[in-house]
Amino acid sequence: MRHGVIPGSRGAVRPLRLLGDPALRAPCAEVTAFDAELALLIEDMYATMYAAHGVGLAANQIGVGLRVFVFDCPDDEDHRHLGHVVNPRRVAADGVTVRGPEGCLSLPGVEAGTARHDEVVIEGVTMTGEPVRIEGTGFFARCLQHECDHLDGGLFIDRLTGLRRRRALRAIRRAPWAPTGGAEAVEP
């Protein structure tokens, strides 16, 4: 039996920001206060991620412009990786580049084959300021890279080219949540 509190069980589910919301395109600021407010934000992020059936969530996806993300993601061997990173930075992205299916909670229903490195190393700190180093491979590496992109104001569709990009943009325009404002709302 598991001991301790399940992440997110004390958090509130916050509304997700969808494509077209300026919060998704603004680079996030470094966290400087490691306090109860940060701990509550992380709890809310877990609760929101689980409610949306995601494997990762960046703070700007709920409208908070801070460099924080949470994850509960398997790797290719189905090992579960659960945690959070504050002020993450990619220190290595290696291995082969693999094109695999990728979606986003801020673009519901849109998925496209997206190229990502198969190995990545992220360094940052925990909510209490303790250093953390996370090494990911396979699907978990994809998740870590995806969340880091969010914190820089990027989306997975920014990495698409050619037919994959055109198909994704068409799916976005047809989605019931599609942003108004035409292509300007979709393009980075």
C-alpha atoms as a PDB file:
ATOM      1  CA  MET A   1       0.000   0.000   0.000  1.00  0.00           C
ATOM      2  CA  ARG A   2       1.196   3.485  -0.848  1.00  0.00           C
ATOM      3  CA  HIS A   3       2.136   5.797   1.990  1.00  0.00           C
ATOM      4  CA  GLY A   4       1.801   9.552   1.862  1.00  0.00           C
ATOM      5  CA  VAL A   5      -0.423  11.929   0.011  1.00  0.00           C
ATOM      6  CA  ILE A   6      -1.230  11.462  -3.665  1.00  0.00           C
ATOM      7  CA  PRO A   7      -0.039  14.515  -5.633  1.00  0.00           C
ATOM      8  CA  GLY A   8      -2.961  16.737  -6.560  1.00  0.00           C
ATOM      9  CA  SER A   9      -5.370  15.246  -4.033  1.00  0.00           C
ATOM     10  CA  ARG A  10      -5.390  18.537  -2.133  1.00  0.00           C
ATOM     11  CA  GLY A  11      -5.345  20.706  -5.239  1.00  0.00           C
ATOM     12  CA  ALA A  12      -8.072  22.453  -7.193  1.00  0.00           C
ATOM     13  CA  VAL A  13      -8.672  21.823 -10.862  1.00  0.00           C
ATOM     14  CA  ARG A  14      -8.011  25.054 -12.756  1.00  0.00           C
ATOM     15  CA  PRO A  15      -9.257  25.914 -16.256  1.00  0.00           C
ATOM     16  CA  LEU A  16      -6.878  24.990 -19.050  1.00  0.00           C
ATOM     17  CA  ARG A  17      -5.751  27.716 -21.430  1.00  0.00           C
ATOM     18  CA  LEU A  18      -6.324  26.818 -25.067  1.00  0.00           C
ATOM     19  CA  LEU A  19      -4.461  27.802 -28.205  1.00  0.00           C
ATOM     20  CA  GLY A  20      -5.008  31.495 -28.872  1.00  0.00           C
ATOM     21  CA  ASP A  21      -4.565  32.453 -25.209  1.00  0.00           C
ATOM     22  CA  PRO A  22      -1.522  34.781 -24.958  1.00  0.00           C
ATOM     23  CA  ALA A  23      -0.331  32.980 -21.799  1.00  0.00           C
ATOM     24  CA  LEU A  24       0.725  30.003 -23.944  1.00  0.00           C
ATOM     25  CA  ARG A  25       3.020  32.095 -26.144  1.00  0.00           C
ATOM     26  CA  ALA A  26       4.767  34.156 -23.452  1.00  0.00           C
ATOM     27  CA  PRO A  27       8.058  32.832 -22.044  1.00  0.00           C
ATOM     28  CA  CYS A  28       7.670  32.057 -18.352  1.00  0.00           C
ATOM     29  CA  ALA A  29       9.565  33.818 -15.555  1.00  0.00           C
ATOM     30  CA  GLU A  30      11.948  32.118 -13.134  1.00  0.00           C
ATOM     31  CA  VAL A  31      10.476  31.177  -9.772  1.00  0.00           C
ATOM     32  CA  THR A  32      12.064  33.180  -6.951  1.00  0.00           C
ATOM     33  CA  ALA A  33       9.746  32.431  -4.007  1.00  0.00           C
ATOM     34  CA  PHE A  34       9.766  28.874  -2.708  1.00  0.00           C
ATOM     35  CA  ASP A  35       6.778  29.177  -0.427  1.00  0.00           C
ATOM     36  CA  ALA A  36       3.307  27.829   0.311  1.00  0.00           C
ATOM     37  CA  GLU A  37       1.925  29.598  -2.772  1.00  0.00           C
ATOM     38  CA  LEU A  38       4.308  27.634  -5.008  1.00  0.00           C
ATOM     39  CA  ALA A  39       3.385  24.370  -3.255  1.00  0.00           C
ATOM     40  CA  LEU A  40      -0.316  25.125  -3.817  1.00  0.00           C
ATOM     41  CA  LEU A  41       0.320  25.918  -7.481  1.00  0.00           C
ATOM     42  CA  ILE A  42       2.026  22.548  -7.939  1.00  0.00           C
ATOM     43  CA  GLU A  43      -0.853  20.735  -6.180  1.00  0.00           C
ATOM     44  CA  ASP A  44      -3.341  22.506  -8.454  1.00  0.00           C
ATOM     45  CA  MET A  45      -1.259  21.602 -11.499  1.00  0.00           C
ATOM     46  CA  TYR A  46      -1.317  17.901 -10.579  1.00  0.00           C
ATOM     47  CA  ALA A  47      -5.081  18.040  -9.976  1.00  0.00           C
ATOM     48  CA  THR A  48      -5.626  19.771 -13.322  1.00  0.00           C
ATOM     49  CA  MET A  49      -3.337  17.372 -15.211  1.00  0.00           C
ATOM     50  CA  TYR A  50      -5.111  14.321 -13.770  1.00  0.00           C
ATOM     51  CA  ALA A  51      -8.577  15.766 -14.421  1.00  0.00           C
ATOM     52  CA  ALA A  52      -7.608  16.345 -18.073  1.00  0.00           C
ATOM     53  CA  HIS A  53      -6.025  12.864 -18.367  1.00  0.00           C
ATOM     54  CA  GLY A  54      -2.621  14.298 -19.258  1.00  0.00           C
ATOM     55  CA  VAL A  55       0.920  13.096 -18.585  1.00  0.00           C
ATOM     56  CA  GLY A  56       2.439  16.564 -18.117  1.00  0.00           C
ATOM     57  CA  LEU A  57       1.364  20.145 -17.503  1.00  0.00           C
ATOM     58  CA  ALA A  58       3.226  23.449 -17.596  1.00  0.00           C
ATOM     59  CA  ALA A  59       2.174  26.369 -15.377  1.00  0.00           C
ATOM     60  CA  ASN A  60       1.319  28.643 -18.304  1.00  0.00           C
ATOM     61  CA  GLN A  61      -1.280  26.093 -19.422  1.00  0.00           C
ATOM     62  CA  ILE A  62      -3.325  27.257 -16.434  1.00  0.00           C
ATOM     63  CA  GLY A  63      -2.382  30.898 -16.938  1.00  0.00           C
ATOM     64  CA  VAL A  64       0.523  31.152 -14.502  1.00  0.00           C
ATOM     65  CA  GLY A  65       3.658  32.531 -16.149  1.00  0.00           C
ATOM     66  CA  LEU A  66       6.210  30.716 -13.981  1.00  0.00           C
ATOM     67  CA  ARG A  67       8.808  28.118 -14.968  1.00  0.00           C
ATOM     68  CA  VAL A  68       7.192  25.066 -13.375  1.00  0.00           C
ATOM     69  CA  PHE A  69       5.892  21.800 -14.764  1.00  0.00           C
ATOM     70  CA  VAL A  70       4.529  18.549 -13.357  1.00  0.00           C
ATOM     71  CA  PHE A  71       4.500  15.077 -14.873  1.00  0.00           C
ATOM     72  CA  ASP A  72       3.180  11.573 -14.331  1.00  0.00           C
ATOM     73  CA  CYS A  73       4.462   9.839 -17.426  1.00  0.00           C
ATOM     74  CA  PRO A  74       5.615   6.363 -18.422  1.00  0.00           C
ATOM     75  CA  ASP A  75       8.724   5.709 -20.435  1.00  0.00           C
ATOM     76  CA  ASP A  76       8.923   3.163 -23.252  1.00  0.00           C
ATOM     77  CA  GLU A  77       9.500   0.349 -20.736  1.00  0.00           C
ATOM     78  CA  ASP A  78       6.313   1.414 -18.896  1.00  0.00           C
ATOM     79  CA  HIS A  79       8.207   2.678 -15.830  1.00  0.00           C
ATOM     80  CA  ARG A  80       6.241   5.483 -14.195  1.00  0.00           C
ATOM     81  CA  HIS A  81       7.936   8.858 -13.673  1.00  0.00           C
ATOM     82  CA  LEU A  82       6.150  11.177 -11.240  1.00  0.00           C
ATOM     83  CA  GLY A  83       7.390  14.593 -10.207  1.00  0.00           C
ATOM     84  CA  HIS A  84       7.707  18.299 -10.764  1.00  0.00           C
ATOM     85  CA  VAL A  85      10.493  20.661 -11.782  1.00  0.00           C
ATOM     86  CA  VAL A  86      10.891  24.324 -10.930  1.00  0.00           C
ATOM     87  CA  ASN A  87      13.116  26.489 -13.157  1.00  0.00           C
ATOM     88  CA  PRO A  88      13.971  23.578 -15.473  1.00  0.00           C
ATOM     89  CA  ARG A  89      16.607  23.782 -18.129  1.00  0.00           C
ATOM     90  CA  ARG A  90      17.632  21.253 -20.750  1.00  0.00           C
ATOM     91  CA  VAL A  91      21.252  20.312 -20.205  1.00  0.00           C
ATOM     92  CA  ALA A  92      21.366  17.547 -22.816  1.00  0.00           C
ATOM     93  CA  ALA A  93      19.215  16.309 -25.676  1.00  0.00           C
ATOM     94  CA  ASP A  94      20.830  13.349 -27.394  1.00  0.00           C
ATOM     95  CA  GLY A  95      20.165  10.032 -29.017  1.00  0.00           C
ATOM     96  CA  VAL A  96      18.339   9.465 -32.212  1.00  0.00           C
ATOM     97  CA  THR A  97      15.561  11.780 -33.260  1.00  0.00           C
ATOM     98  CA  VAL A  98      12.283   9.892 -33.207  1.00  0.00           C
ATOM     99  CA  ARG A  99       9.028  11.013 -34.786  1.00  0.00           C
ATOM    100  CA  GLY A 100       6.115   9.966 -32.594  1.00  0.00           C
ATOM    101  CA  PRO A 101       2.534  10.946 -31.872  1.00  0.00           C
ATOM    102  CA  GLU A 102       2.228  14.059 -29.758  1.00  0.00           C
ATOM    103  CA  GLY A 103      -0.752  16.005 -28.495  1.00  0.00           C
ATOM    104  CA  CYS A 104      -1.359  18.753 -25.961  1.00  0.00           C
ATOM    105  CA  LEU A 105      -3.969  19.542 -23.328  1.00  0.00           C
ATOM    106  CA  SER A 106      -4.090  23.095 -24.720  1.00  0.00           C
ATOM    107  CA  LEU A 107      -4.953  21.781 -28.210  1.00  0.00           C
ATOM    108  CA  PRO A 108      -7.531  19.089 -27.368  1.00  0.00           C
ATOM    109  CA  GLY A 109      -8.013  16.456 -30.037  1.00  0.00           C
ATOM    110  CA  VAL A 110      -5.063  17.572 -32.185  1.00  0.00           C
ATOM    111  CA  GLU A 111      -2.228  15.076 -32.607  1.00  0.00           C
ATOM    112  CA  ALA A 112       0.688  14.868 -35.016  1.00  0.00           C
ATOM    113  CA  GLY A 113       3.894  12.937 -35.496  1.00  0.00           C
ATOM    114  CA  THR A 114       6.523  15.217 -33.961  1.00  0.00           C
ATOM    115  CA  ALA A 115      10.301  14.746 -34.035  1.00  0.00           C
ATOM    116  CA  ARG A 116      12.006  14.706 -30.615  1.00  0.00           C
ATOM    117  CA  HIS A 117      15.306  13.489 -29.208  1.00  0.00           C
ATOM    118  CA  ASP A 118      15.068  10.040 -27.650  1.00  0.00           C
ATOM    119  CA  GLU A 119      17.160  11.045 -24.613  1.00  0.00           C
ATOM    120  CA  VAL A 120      17.049  14.240 -22.574  1.00  0.00           C
ATOM    121  CA  VAL A 121      18.422  15.532 -19.278  1.00  0.00           C
ATOM    122  CA  ILE A 122      16.643  18.293 -17.369  1.00  0.00           C
ATOM    123  CA  GLU A 123      18.021  20.076 -14.314  1.00  0.00           C
ATOM    124  CA  GLY A 124      16.155  22.374 -11.977  1.00  0.00           C
ATOM    125  CA  VAL A 125      14.943  22.431  -8.402  1.00  0.00           C
ATOM    126  CA  THR A 126      12.020  21.111  -6.390  1.00  0.00           C
ATOM    127  CA  MET A 127       9.340  23.251  -4.744  1.00  0.00           C
ATOM    128  CA  THR A 128      11.626  23.527  -1.711  1.00  0.00           C
ATOM    129  CA  GLY A 129      14.642  24.605  -3.761  1.00  0.00           C
ATOM    130  CA  GLU A 130      16.495  21.263  -3.687  1.00  0.00           C
ATOM    131  CA  PRO A 131      18.449  20.508  -6.894  1.00  0.00           C
ATOM    132  CA  VAL A 132      16.946  17.854  -9.147  1.00  0.00           C
ATOM    133  CA  ARG A 133      18.239  16.137 -12.278  1.00  0.00           C
ATOM    134  CA  ILE A 134      15.855  14.139 -14.438  1.00  0.00           C
ATOM    135  CA  GLU A 135      16.985  11.820 -17.206  1.00  0.00           C
ATOM    136  CA  GLY A 136      14.351  10.668 -19.645  1.00  0.00           C
ATOM    137  CA  THR A 137      14.236   8.311 -22.579  1.00  0.00           C
ATOM    138  CA  GLY A 138      11.573   7.455 -25.126  1.00  0.00           C
ATOM    139  CA  PHE A 139       8.079   8.728 -24.390  1.00  0.00           C
ATOM    140  CA  PHE A 140       9.183  10.270 -21.092  1.00  0.00           C
ATOM    141  CA  ALA A 141      11.918  12.236 -22.927  1.00  0.00           C
ATOM    142  CA  ARG A 142       9.219  13.466 -25.325  1.00  0.00           C
ATOM    143  CA  CYS A 143       7.112  14.634 -22.364  1.00  0.00           C
ATOM    144  CA  LEU A 144      10.019  16.507 -20.739  1.00  0.00           C
ATOM    145  CA  GLN A 145      10.902  18.288 -23.998  1.00  0.00           C
ATOM    146  CA  HIS A 146       7.241  19.158 -24.623  1.00  0.00           C
ATOM    147  CA  GLU A 147       6.844  20.765 -21.178  1.00  0.00           C
ATOM    148  CA  CYS A 148      10.125  22.694 -21.483  1.00  0.00           C
ATOM    149  CA  ASP A 149       8.912  24.057 -24.829  1.00  0.00           C
ATOM    150  CA  HIS A 150       5.735  25.311 -23.120  1.00  0.00           C
ATOM    151  CA  LEU A 151       7.766  27.281 -20.589  1.00  0.00           C
ATOM    152  CA  ASP A 152       9.571  29.025 -23.455  1.00  0.00           C
ATOM    153  CA  GLY A 153       6.246  29.953 -25.090  1.00  0.00           C
ATOM    154  CA  GLY A 154       6.327  27.105 -27.608  1.00  0.00           C
ATOM    155  CA  LEU A 155       3.859  24.440 -28.688  1.00  0.00           C
ATOM    156  CA  PHE A 156       4.432  21.113 -30.396  1.00  0.00           C
ATOM    157  CA  ILE A 157       2.808  22.441 -33.578  1.00  0.00           C
ATOM    158  CA  ASP A 158       5.741  24.854 -33.892  1.00  0.00           C
ATOM    159  CA  ARG A 159       7.958  21.832 -34.588  1.00  0.00           C
ATOM    160  CA  LEU A 160       5.792  20.547 -37.434  1.00  0.00           C
ATOM    161  CA  THR A 161       6.535  21.167 -41.093  1.00  0.00           C
ATOM    162  CA  GLY A 162       4.982  20.362 -44.450  1.00  0.00           C
ATOM    163  CA  LEU A 163       1.952  18.110 -44.618  1.00  0.00           C
ATOM    164  CA  ARG A 164       1.955  17.344 -40.871  1.00  0.00           C
ATOM    165  CA  ARG A 165       1.767  21.055 -40.075  1.00  0.00           C
ATOM    166  CA  ARG A 166      -0.966  21.724 -42.640  1.00  0.00           C
ATOM    167  CA  ARG A 167      -3.052  18.826 -41.289  1.00  0.00           C
ATOM    168  CA  ALA A 168      -2.621  19.979 -37.687  1.00  0.00           C
ATOM    169  CA  LEU A 169      -3.572  23.571 -38.554  1.00  0.00           C
ATOM    170  CA  ARG A 170      -6.627  22.325 -40.440  1.00  0.00           C
ATOM    171  CA  ALA A 171      -7.664  20.236 -37.406  1.00  0.00           C
ATOM    172  CA  ILE A 172      -7.230  23.280 -35.164  1.00  0.00           C
ATOM    173  CA  ARG A 173      -9.378  25.480 -37.415  1.00  0.00           C
ATOM    174  CA  ARG A 174     -12.134  22.830 -37.358  1.00  0.00           C
ATOM    175  CA  ALA A 175     -12.006  22.236 -33.591  1.00  0.00           C
ATOM    176  CA  PRO A 176     -14.970  23.480 -31.530  1.00  0.00           C
ATOM    177  CA  TRP A 177     -12.537  25.434 -29.323  1.00  0.00           C
ATOM    178  CA  ALA A 178     -10.695  26.982 -32.308  1.00  0.00           C
ATOM    179  CA  PRO A 179      -9.283  30.445 -31.615  1.00  0.00           C
ATOM    180  CA  THR A 180     -10.805  33.382 -33.410  1.00  0.00           C
ATOM    181  CA  GLY A 181      -8.571  35.693 -35.391  1.00  0.00           C
ATOM    182  CA  GLY A 182      -7.562  33.365 -38.210  1.00  0.00           C
ATOM    183  CA  ALA A 183      -4.027  32.162 -38.811  1.00  0.00           C
ATOM    184  CA  GLU A 184      -2.501  34.848 -36.564  1.00  0.00           C
ATOM    185  CA  ALA A 185      -4.035  33.120 -33.532  1.00  0.00           C
ATOM    186  CA  VAL A 186      -2.445  29.809 -34.512  1.00  0.00           C
ATOM    187  CA  GLU A 187       0.973  30.810 -35.839  1.00  0.00           C
ATOM    188  CA  PRO A 188       3.806  31.488 -33.336  1.00  0.00           C
END
